[in-house]
């Protein structure tokens, strides 16, 4: 029963379908665009709200994550992905809105489920982390509009990198 319920939930989210048994759905370009459109909306506004609610300790934690990501060349891809995921999850969590957290988890699930074979170049990784730092600066300045603008730009940058890698 628990497995059947899990499969039905995955079917409801469009990740599997039922034909002559259960089949994992393939990922198409439109799905990638939909995930990133969702991330822009959710992370953008969650960052806006986080700018109003983050404490100095929260800002220090985020700045520490960004500084740790500066050392990306000395760490494995899995470590960098973990730090990046923690950074984004923490900001969404700072919004204090459980619906944002739930929606963000869903977009992240779909994103990682796509198993996108994209490796950022050194330059792209540097730019991405500079964007992280701009987000933290806006949070620290308690500027919700700038925080949202930087968060949206960051997700859009990642979207372009992924699309270019898959199209090229």
N, C-alpha and C. Protein backbone atom coordinates (compact mmCIF):
# COMPACT_ATOMS: atom_id res chain seq x y z
N UNK A 1 0.80 -1.21 0.00
CA UNK A 1 0.00 0.00 0.00
C UNK A 1 0.85 1.27 0.00
N UNK A 2 1.89 1.37 0.86
CA UNK A 2 2.69 2.62 0.83
C UNK A 2 3.38 2.85 -0.51
N UNK A 3 3.83 1.79 -1.16
CA UNK A 3 4.50 1.93 -2.46
C UNK A 3 3.49 2.38 -3.51
N UNK A 4 2.30 1.80 -3.49
CA UNK A 4 1.25 2.19 -4.44
C UNK A 4 0.90 3.66 -4.26
N UNK A 5 0.75 4.09 -2.99
CA UNK A 5 0.44 5.49 -2.73
C UNK A 5 1.56 6.42 -3.20
N UNK A 6 2.80 6.00 -3.00
CA UNK A 6 3.94 6.80 -3.46
C UNK A 6 3.94 6.91 -4.98
N UNK A 7 3.68 5.81 -5.67
CA UNK A 7 3.62 5.83 -7.13
C UNK A 7 2.49 6.71 -7.63
N UNK A 8 1.35 6.67 -6.97
CA UNK A 8 0.23 7.52 -7.37
C UNK A 8 0.56 8.99 -7.16
N UNK A 9 1.28 9.29 -6.10
CA UNK A 9 1.69 10.68 -5.87
C UNK A 9 2.68 11.14 -6.95
N UNK A 10 3.64 10.27 -7.28
CA UNK A 10 4.59 10.59 -8.35
C UNK A 10 3.87 10.77 -9.69
N UNK A 11 2.84 9.96 -9.91
CA UNK A 11 2.04 10.10 -11.13
C UNK A 11 1.33 11.45 -11.13
N UNK A 12 0.80 11.84 -10.00
CA UNK A 12 0.13 13.12 -9.88
C UNK A 12 1.05 14.30 -10.15
N UNK A 13 2.34 14.12 -9.87
CA UNK A 13 3.31 15.18 -10.12
C UNK A 13 3.93 15.08 -11.51
N UNK A 14 3.47 14.10 -12.30
CA UNK A 14 3.95 13.99 -13.67
C UNK A 14 5.31 13.35 -13.82
N UNK A 15 5.78 12.66 -12.78
CA UNK A 15 7.11 12.06 -12.83
C UNK A 15 7.09 10.62 -13.34
N UNK A 16 5.96 9.94 -13.18
CA UNK A 16 5.81 8.59 -13.70
C UNK A 16 4.44 8.50 -14.37
N UNK A 17 4.31 7.51 -15.24
CA UNK A 17 3.00 7.24 -15.83
C UNK A 17 2.76 5.74 -15.78
N UNK A 18 1.53 5.39 -15.95
CA UNK A 18 1.16 3.99 -15.86
C UNK A 18 0.74 3.51 -17.24
N UNK A 19 1.55 2.62 -17.77
CA UNK A 19 1.22 2.00 -19.05
C UNK A 19 1.10 0.51 -18.77
N UNK A 20 1.98 -0.29 -19.29
CA UNK A 20 2.01 -1.71 -18.93
C UNK A 20 2.98 -1.85 -17.77
N UNK A 21 2.65 -1.19 -16.68
CA UNK A 21 3.54 -1.05 -15.54
C UNK A 21 3.86 0.43 -15.38
N UNK A 22 4.74 0.73 -14.47
CA UNK A 22 5.09 2.13 -14.18
C UNK A 22 6.30 2.53 -15.01
N UNK A 23 6.23 3.74 -15.59
CA UNK A 23 7.29 4.25 -16.46
C UNK A 23 7.70 5.63 -15.96
N UNK A 24 9.02 5.86 -15.85
CA UNK A 24 9.52 7.18 -15.48
C UNK A 24 9.41 8.08 -16.70
N UNK A 25 8.82 9.27 -16.50
CA UNK A 25 8.65 10.21 -17.60
C UNK A 25 9.99 10.83 -17.99
N UNK A 26 10.15 11.09 -19.28
CA UNK A 26 11.38 11.74 -19.75
C UNK A 26 11.28 13.24 -19.53
N UNK A 27 12.42 13.88 -19.55
CA UNK A 27 12.48 15.32 -19.37
C UNK A 27 12.60 16.00 -20.72
N UNK A 28 11.78 17.01 -20.94
CA UNK A 28 11.89 17.76 -22.18
C UNK A 28 12.25 19.21 -21.86
N UNK A 29 12.57 19.96 -22.89
CA UNK A 29 13.01 21.35 -22.72
C UNK A 29 11.95 22.19 -22.03
N UNK A 30 10.68 21.96 -22.32
CA UNK A 30 9.62 22.74 -21.70
C UNK A 30 9.59 22.51 -20.19
N UNK A 31 9.87 21.28 -19.76
CA UNK A 31 9.90 20.99 -18.32
C UNK A 31 11.00 21.79 -17.63
N UNK A 32 12.13 21.88 -18.27
CA UNK A 32 13.25 22.64 -17.71
C UNK A 32 12.84 24.10 -17.57
N UNK A 33 12.23 24.65 -18.61
CA UNK A 33 11.78 26.04 -18.55
C UNK A 33 10.76 26.24 -17.45
N UNK A 34 9.84 25.30 -17.29
CA UNK A 34 8.81 25.43 -16.25
C UNK A 34 9.42 25.41 -14.86
N UNK A 35 10.40 24.55 -14.64
CA UNK A 35 11.06 24.49 -13.34
C UNK A 35 11.74 25.83 -13.04
N UNK A 36 12.46 26.36 -14.01
CA UNK A 36 13.16 27.62 -13.76
C UNK A 36 12.20 28.80 -13.62
N UNK A 37 11.11 28.82 -14.37
CA UNK A 37 10.11 29.87 -14.19
C UNK A 37 9.56 29.83 -12.78
N UNK A 38 9.32 28.63 -12.28
CA UNK A 38 8.82 28.47 -10.91
C UNK A 38 9.86 28.93 -9.89
N UNK A 39 11.10 28.56 -10.13
CA UNK A 39 12.16 28.98 -9.20
C UNK A 39 12.30 30.49 -9.17
N UNK A 40 12.24 31.14 -10.32
CA UNK A 40 12.34 32.61 -10.36
C UNK A 40 11.24 33.22 -9.49
N UNK A 41 10.02 32.75 -9.65
CA UNK A 41 8.90 33.31 -8.90
C UNK A 41 9.03 33.03 -7.41
N UNK A 42 9.26 31.78 -7.06
CA UNK A 42 9.29 31.40 -5.65
C UNK A 42 10.51 31.99 -4.94
N UNK A 43 11.69 31.75 -5.49
CA UNK A 43 12.91 32.23 -4.83
C UNK A 43 12.98 33.76 -4.84
N UNK A 44 12.49 34.36 -5.92
CA UNK A 44 12.52 35.81 -5.99
C UNK A 44 11.72 36.44 -4.85
N UNK A 45 10.46 36.04 -4.72
CA UNK A 45 9.64 36.67 -3.70
C UNK A 45 10.01 36.20 -2.30
N UNK A 46 10.42 34.95 -2.15
CA UNK A 46 10.86 34.48 -0.83
C UNK A 46 12.07 35.29 -0.37
N UNK A 47 12.95 35.64 -1.28
CA UNK A 47 14.12 36.45 -0.93
C UNK A 47 13.68 37.87 -0.56
N UNK A 48 12.69 38.39 -1.24
CA UNK A 48 12.10 39.69 -0.90
C UNK A 48 11.65 39.69 0.57
N UNK A 49 10.89 38.67 0.94
CA UNK A 49 10.37 38.57 2.30
C UNK A 49 11.50 38.31 3.29
N UNK A 50 12.46 37.49 2.91
CA UNK A 50 13.60 37.19 3.79
C UNK A 50 14.38 38.46 4.14
N UNK A 51 14.43 39.41 3.23
CA UNK A 51 15.15 40.67 3.50
C UNK A 51 14.50 41.42 4.66
N UNK A 52 13.24 41.19 4.88
CA UNK A 52 12.52 41.85 5.97
C UNK A 52 12.62 41.07 7.28
N UNK A 53 12.98 39.79 7.21
CA UNK A 53 12.92 38.92 8.39
C UNK A 53 14.26 38.36 8.85
N UNK A 54 15.27 38.40 8.01
CA UNK A 54 16.57 37.78 8.35
C UNK A 54 17.23 38.53 9.50
N UNK A 55 17.84 37.77 10.39
CA UNK A 55 18.57 38.35 11.51
C UNK A 55 20.04 38.50 11.12
N UNK A 56 20.79 39.27 11.89
CA UNK A 56 22.23 39.35 11.62
C UNK A 56 22.92 37.98 11.62
N UNK A 57 22.48 37.09 12.50
CA UNK A 57 23.06 35.73 12.53
C UNK A 57 22.75 34.98 11.23
N UNK A 58 21.54 35.16 10.72
CA UNK A 58 21.17 34.54 9.44
C UNK A 58 22.06 35.04 8.31
N UNK A 59 22.30 36.35 8.30
CA UNK A 59 23.14 36.96 7.27
C UNK A 59 24.56 36.40 7.36
N UNK A 60 25.08 36.29 8.57
CA UNK A 60 26.43 35.73 8.74
C UNK A 60 26.50 34.29 8.21
N UNK A 61 25.46 33.51 8.50
CA UNK A 61 25.42 32.13 8.02
C UNK A 61 25.44 32.08 6.48
N UNK A 62 24.63 32.91 5.85
CA UNK A 62 24.58 32.94 4.39
C UNK A 62 25.89 33.42 3.80
N UNK A 63 26.48 34.45 4.41
CA UNK A 63 27.76 34.95 3.92
C UNK A 63 28.84 33.85 4.06
N UNK A 64 28.78 33.11 5.15
CA UNK A 64 29.71 32.01 5.34
C UNK A 64 29.58 30.94 4.27
N UNK A 65 28.34 30.62 3.89
CA UNK A 65 28.12 29.64 2.81
C UNK A 65 28.69 30.17 1.49
N UNK A 66 28.45 31.45 1.20
CA UNK A 66 28.97 32.03 -0.05
C UNK A 66 30.50 32.03 -0.03
N UNK A 67 31.08 32.37 1.10
CA UNK A 67 32.55 32.37 1.19
C UNK A 67 33.10 30.96 1.04
N UNK A 68 32.41 29.99 1.61
CA UNK A 68 32.85 28.60 1.45
C UNK A 68 32.79 28.17 -0.01
N UNK A 69 31.78 28.65 -0.73
CA UNK A 69 31.67 28.31 -2.16
C UNK A 69 32.76 28.97 -3.00
N UNK A 70 33.41 30.01 -2.46
CA UNK A 70 34.55 30.61 -3.16
C UNK A 70 35.65 29.56 -3.41
N UNK A 71 35.72 28.56 -2.56
CA UNK A 71 36.73 27.52 -2.70
C UNK A 71 36.30 26.36 -3.57
N UNK A 72 35.39 26.61 -4.51
CA UNK A 72 34.81 25.54 -5.33
C UNK A 72 35.84 24.73 -6.09
N UNK A 73 36.98 25.34 -6.45
CA UNK A 73 37.97 24.61 -7.25
C UNK A 73 38.64 23.50 -6.45
N UNK A 74 38.61 23.62 -5.13
CA UNK A 74 39.26 22.62 -4.28
C UNK A 74 38.27 21.59 -3.75
N UNK A 75 37.02 21.66 -4.19
CA UNK A 75 36.03 20.70 -3.70
C UNK A 75 35.38 19.97 -4.86
N UNK A 76 34.76 18.88 -4.54
CA UNK A 76 34.05 18.11 -5.57
C UNK A 76 32.73 18.77 -5.93
N UNK A 77 32.19 18.34 -7.05
CA UNK A 77 30.91 18.88 -7.52
C UNK A 77 29.80 18.63 -6.51
N UNK A 78 29.80 17.46 -5.88
CA UNK A 78 28.76 17.14 -4.90
C UNK A 78 28.80 18.10 -3.71
N UNK A 79 30.00 18.44 -3.26
CA UNK A 79 30.13 19.37 -2.14
C UNK A 79 29.62 20.75 -2.53
N UNK A 80 29.99 21.22 -3.70
CA UNK A 80 29.52 22.53 -4.17
C UNK A 80 28.00 22.54 -4.32
N UNK A 81 27.44 21.48 -4.88
CA UNK A 81 25.99 21.39 -5.04
C UNK A 81 25.29 21.43 -3.68
N UNK A 82 25.87 20.75 -2.69
CA UNK A 82 25.30 20.74 -1.35
C UNK A 82 25.30 22.15 -0.74
N UNK A 83 26.43 22.84 -0.84
CA UNK A 83 26.51 24.21 -0.31
C UNK A 83 25.52 25.13 -1.01
N UNK A 84 25.45 25.01 -2.33
CA UNK A 84 24.54 25.83 -3.11
C UNK A 84 23.10 25.56 -2.71
N UNK A 85 22.75 24.30 -2.56
CA UNK A 85 21.38 23.93 -2.18
C UNK A 85 21.06 24.48 -0.79
N UNK A 86 22.01 24.35 0.15
CA UNK A 86 21.80 24.88 1.50
C UNK A 86 21.59 26.39 1.47
N UNK A 87 22.37 27.09 0.65
CA UNK A 87 22.25 28.54 0.52
C UNK A 87 20.83 28.92 0.10
N UNK A 88 20.35 28.30 -0.97
CA UNK A 88 19.02 28.64 -1.49
C UNK A 88 17.91 28.20 -0.54
N UNK A 89 18.02 27.02 0.03
CA UNK A 89 17.01 26.54 0.97
C UNK A 89 16.94 27.45 2.19
N UNK A 90 18.09 27.90 2.65
CA UNK A 90 18.12 28.75 3.84
C UNK A 90 17.41 30.07 3.58
N UNK A 91 17.66 30.67 2.43
CA UNK A 91 16.99 31.93 2.12
C UNK A 91 15.48 31.73 2.05
N UNK A 92 15.04 30.71 1.36
CA UNK A 92 13.60 30.46 1.27
C UNK A 92 13.03 30.21 2.67
N UNK A 93 13.76 29.49 3.49
CA UNK A 93 13.32 29.25 4.86
C UNK A 93 13.21 30.53 5.67
N UNK A 94 14.11 31.47 5.41
CA UNK A 94 14.09 32.75 6.14
C UNK A 94 12.86 33.58 5.82
N UNK A 95 12.16 33.24 4.74
CA UNK A 95 10.91 33.95 4.44
C UNK A 95 9.88 33.69 5.54
N UNK A 96 10.04 32.56 6.23
CA UNK A 96 9.09 32.20 7.28
C UNK A 96 7.77 31.69 6.73
N UNK A 97 7.70 31.46 5.43
CA UNK A 97 6.47 31.03 4.79
C UNK A 97 6.55 29.55 4.42
N UNK A 98 5.82 28.69 5.13
CA UNK A 98 5.91 27.25 4.86
C UNK A 98 5.45 26.87 3.45
N UNK A 99 4.59 27.68 2.84
CA UNK A 99 4.15 27.38 1.48
C UNK A 99 5.29 27.62 0.49
N UNK A 100 6.07 28.68 0.69
CA UNK A 100 7.24 28.92 -0.15
C UNK A 100 8.21 27.75 -0.02
N UNK A 101 8.42 27.30 1.23
CA UNK A 101 9.35 26.20 1.47
C UNK A 101 8.89 24.95 0.73
N UNK A 102 7.61 24.65 0.84
CA UNK A 102 7.07 23.46 0.17
C UNK A 102 7.19 23.57 -1.35
N UNK A 103 6.84 24.73 -1.90
CA UNK A 103 6.92 24.90 -3.35
C UNK A 103 8.38 24.86 -3.82
N UNK A 104 9.28 25.42 -3.03
CA UNK A 104 10.70 25.39 -3.39
C UNK A 104 11.21 23.95 -3.38
N UNK A 105 10.82 23.18 -2.38
CA UNK A 105 11.23 21.77 -2.33
C UNK A 105 10.75 21.03 -3.57
N UNK A 106 9.55 21.32 -4.01
CA UNK A 106 9.02 20.67 -5.22
C UNK A 106 9.82 21.05 -6.45
N UNK A 107 10.17 22.34 -6.59
CA UNK A 107 10.96 22.73 -7.76
C UNK A 107 12.33 22.09 -7.70
N UNK A 108 12.91 22.01 -6.51
CA UNK A 108 14.22 21.39 -6.38
C UNK A 108 14.15 19.90 -6.70
N UNK A 109 13.08 19.24 -6.28
CA UNK A 109 12.91 17.82 -6.58
C UNK A 109 12.86 17.62 -8.09
N UNK A 110 12.08 18.44 -8.77
CA UNK A 110 11.99 18.31 -10.23
C UNK A 110 13.33 18.63 -10.89
N UNK A 111 14.00 19.66 -10.40
CA UNK A 111 15.29 20.06 -10.97
C UNK A 111 16.31 18.92 -10.86
N UNK A 112 16.46 18.38 -9.66
CA UNK A 112 17.46 17.32 -9.47
C UNK A 112 17.01 16.02 -10.11
N UNK A 113 15.72 15.79 -10.23
CA UNK A 113 15.21 14.59 -10.89
C UNK A 113 15.55 14.58 -12.38
N UNK A 114 15.74 15.77 -12.95
CA UNK A 114 16.09 15.85 -14.37
C UNK A 114 17.51 15.35 -14.64
N UNK A 115 18.31 15.27 -13.59
CA UNK A 115 19.69 14.81 -13.72
C UNK A 115 20.39 15.53 -14.86
N UNK A 116 20.33 16.84 -14.82
CA UNK A 116 20.90 17.65 -15.88
C UNK A 116 22.42 17.51 -15.91
N UNK A 117 22.97 17.14 -17.04
CA UNK A 117 24.41 16.91 -17.16
C UNK A 117 25.18 18.21 -17.42
N UNK A 118 24.99 19.20 -16.55
CA UNK A 118 25.58 20.50 -16.78
C UNK A 118 26.65 20.78 -15.73
N UNK A 119 27.84 21.01 -16.20
CA UNK A 119 28.93 21.44 -15.33
C UNK A 119 29.23 22.89 -15.63
N UNK A 120 29.22 23.71 -14.59
CA UNK A 120 29.54 25.12 -14.79
C UNK A 120 31.03 25.25 -15.08
N UNK A 121 31.36 26.17 -15.97
CA UNK A 121 32.77 26.48 -16.18
C UNK A 121 33.27 27.25 -14.96
N UNK A 122 34.57 27.44 -14.87
CA UNK A 122 35.14 28.20 -13.77
C UNK A 122 34.53 29.60 -13.73
N UNK A 123 34.45 30.24 -14.89
CA UNK A 123 33.91 31.60 -14.98
C UNK A 123 32.45 31.64 -14.55
N UNK A 124 31.67 30.66 -14.97
CA UNK A 124 30.26 30.62 -14.59
C UNK A 124 30.09 30.43 -13.09
N UNK A 125 30.93 29.59 -12.50
CA UNK A 125 30.87 29.36 -11.05
C UNK A 125 31.22 30.63 -10.28
N UNK A 126 32.22 31.38 -10.77
CA UNK A 126 32.60 32.64 -10.13
C UNK A 126 31.45 33.63 -10.21
N UNK A 127 30.83 33.76 -11.38
CA UNK A 127 29.71 34.68 -11.56
C UNK A 127 28.55 34.28 -10.64
N UNK A 128 28.23 32.99 -10.60
CA UNK A 128 27.12 32.52 -9.76
C UNK A 128 27.36 32.88 -8.30
N UNK A 129 28.58 32.72 -7.84
CA UNK A 129 28.82 33.02 -6.43
C UNK A 129 28.88 34.53 -6.17
N UNK A 130 29.29 35.30 -7.15
CA UNK A 130 29.20 36.76 -7.00
C UNK A 130 27.73 37.18 -6.88
N UNK A 131 26.87 36.49 -7.63
CA UNK A 131 25.44 36.77 -7.51
C UNK A 131 24.93 36.40 -6.12
N UNK A 132 25.42 35.28 -5.57
CA UNK A 132 25.07 34.92 -4.20
C UNK A 132 25.43 36.05 -3.23
N UNK A 133 26.62 36.59 -3.41
CA UNK A 133 27.08 37.65 -2.51
C UNK A 133 26.24 38.92 -2.65
N UNK A 134 25.80 39.23 -3.86
CA UNK A 134 24.92 40.39 -4.05
C UNK A 134 23.58 40.18 -3.34
N UNK A 135 23.09 38.94 -3.37
CA UNK A 135 21.85 38.62 -2.65
C UNK A 135 22.05 38.85 -1.15
N UNK A 136 23.16 38.33 -0.62
CA UNK A 136 23.44 38.49 0.81
C UNK A 136 23.58 39.97 1.16
N UNK A 137 24.26 40.73 0.32
CA UNK A 137 24.42 42.17 0.57
C UNK A 137 23.06 42.87 0.64
N UNK A 138 22.16 42.51 -0.26
CA UNK A 138 20.83 43.12 -0.26
C UNK A 138 20.03 42.70 0.96
N UNK A 139 20.18 41.44 1.38
CA UNK A 139 19.51 40.99 2.60
C UNK A 139 20.04 41.77 3.81
N UNK A 140 21.35 41.93 3.86
CA UNK A 140 21.97 42.65 4.97
C UNK A 140 21.53 44.12 4.99
N UNK A 141 21.36 44.71 3.82
CA UNK A 141 20.92 46.10 3.72
C UNK A 141 19.41 46.23 3.98
N UNK A 142 18.73 45.11 4.15
CA UNK A 142 17.29 45.08 4.34
C UNK A 142 16.56 45.79 3.19
N UNK A 143 17.04 45.47 1.97
CA UNK A 143 16.47 46.04 0.76
C UNK A 143 15.72 44.93 0.02
N UNK A 144 14.43 44.77 0.30
CA UNK A 144 13.70 43.64 -0.29
C UNK A 144 13.62 43.68 -1.80
N UNK A 145 13.51 44.87 -2.38
CA UNK A 145 13.42 44.95 -3.84
C UNK A 145 14.73 44.51 -4.50
N UNK A 146 15.85 44.98 -3.96
CA UNK A 146 17.15 44.57 -4.50
C UNK A 146 17.38 43.08 -4.27
N UNK A 147 17.00 42.58 -3.11
CA UNK A 147 17.17 41.16 -2.81
C UNK A 147 16.40 40.31 -3.82
N UNK A 148 15.17 40.70 -4.07
CA UNK A 148 14.35 39.96 -5.04
C UNK A 148 14.95 40.06 -6.44
N UNK A 149 15.35 41.25 -6.83
CA UNK A 149 15.94 41.45 -8.17
C UNK A 149 17.19 40.58 -8.35
N UNK A 150 18.06 40.55 -7.34
CA UNK A 150 19.29 39.75 -7.44
C UNK A 150 18.98 38.25 -7.44
N UNK A 151 18.01 37.85 -6.64
CA UNK A 151 17.65 36.42 -6.61
C UNK A 151 17.08 35.98 -7.96
N UNK A 152 16.21 36.79 -8.53
CA UNK A 152 15.63 36.46 -9.83
C UNK A 152 16.72 36.41 -10.91
N UNK A 153 17.61 37.38 -10.89
CA UNK A 153 18.69 37.41 -11.88
C UNK A 153 19.58 36.18 -11.75
N UNK A 154 19.82 35.76 -10.52
CA UNK A 154 20.67 34.59 -10.29
C UNK A 154 20.04 33.32 -10.86
N UNK A 155 18.76 33.12 -10.59
CA UNK A 155 18.08 31.94 -11.13
C UNK A 155 18.02 32.01 -12.65
N UNK A 156 17.79 33.20 -13.20
CA UNK A 156 17.76 33.35 -14.66
C UNK A 156 19.13 33.07 -15.28
N UNK A 157 20.21 33.46 -14.59
CA UNK A 157 21.55 33.15 -15.07
C UNK A 157 21.75 31.63 -15.14
N UNK A 158 21.35 30.95 -14.08
CA UNK A 158 21.48 29.49 -14.05
C UNK A 158 20.65 28.86 -15.16
N UNK A 159 19.46 29.38 -15.37
CA UNK A 159 18.59 28.87 -16.44
C UNK A 159 19.29 29.00 -17.80
N UNK A 160 19.89 30.16 -18.07
CA UNK A 160 20.60 30.35 -19.35
C UNK A 160 21.75 29.37 -19.50
N UNK A 161 22.50 29.16 -18.43
CA UNK A 161 23.63 28.23 -18.48
C UNK A 161 23.15 26.82 -18.81
N UNK A 162 22.09 26.41 -18.14
CA UNK A 162 21.53 25.05 -18.37
C UNK A 162 21.01 24.94 -19.80
N UNK A 163 20.22 25.93 -20.25
CA UNK A 163 19.68 25.87 -21.60
C UNK A 163 20.79 25.86 -22.65
N UNK A 164 21.79 26.72 -22.47
CA UNK A 164 22.91 26.77 -23.44
C UNK A 164 23.63 25.43 -23.48
N UNK A 165 23.85 24.83 -22.33
CA UNK A 165 24.56 23.54 -22.28
C UNK A 165 23.75 22.44 -22.97
N UNK A 166 22.45 22.45 -22.77
CA UNK A 166 21.62 21.41 -23.38
C UNK A 166 21.35 21.64 -24.86
N UNK A 167 21.34 22.91 -25.26
CA UNK A 167 21.13 23.23 -26.68
C UNK A 167 22.41 23.05 -27.50
N UNK A 168 23.55 23.23 -26.82
CA UNK A 168 24.83 23.18 -27.53
C UNK A 168 25.32 21.83 -27.68
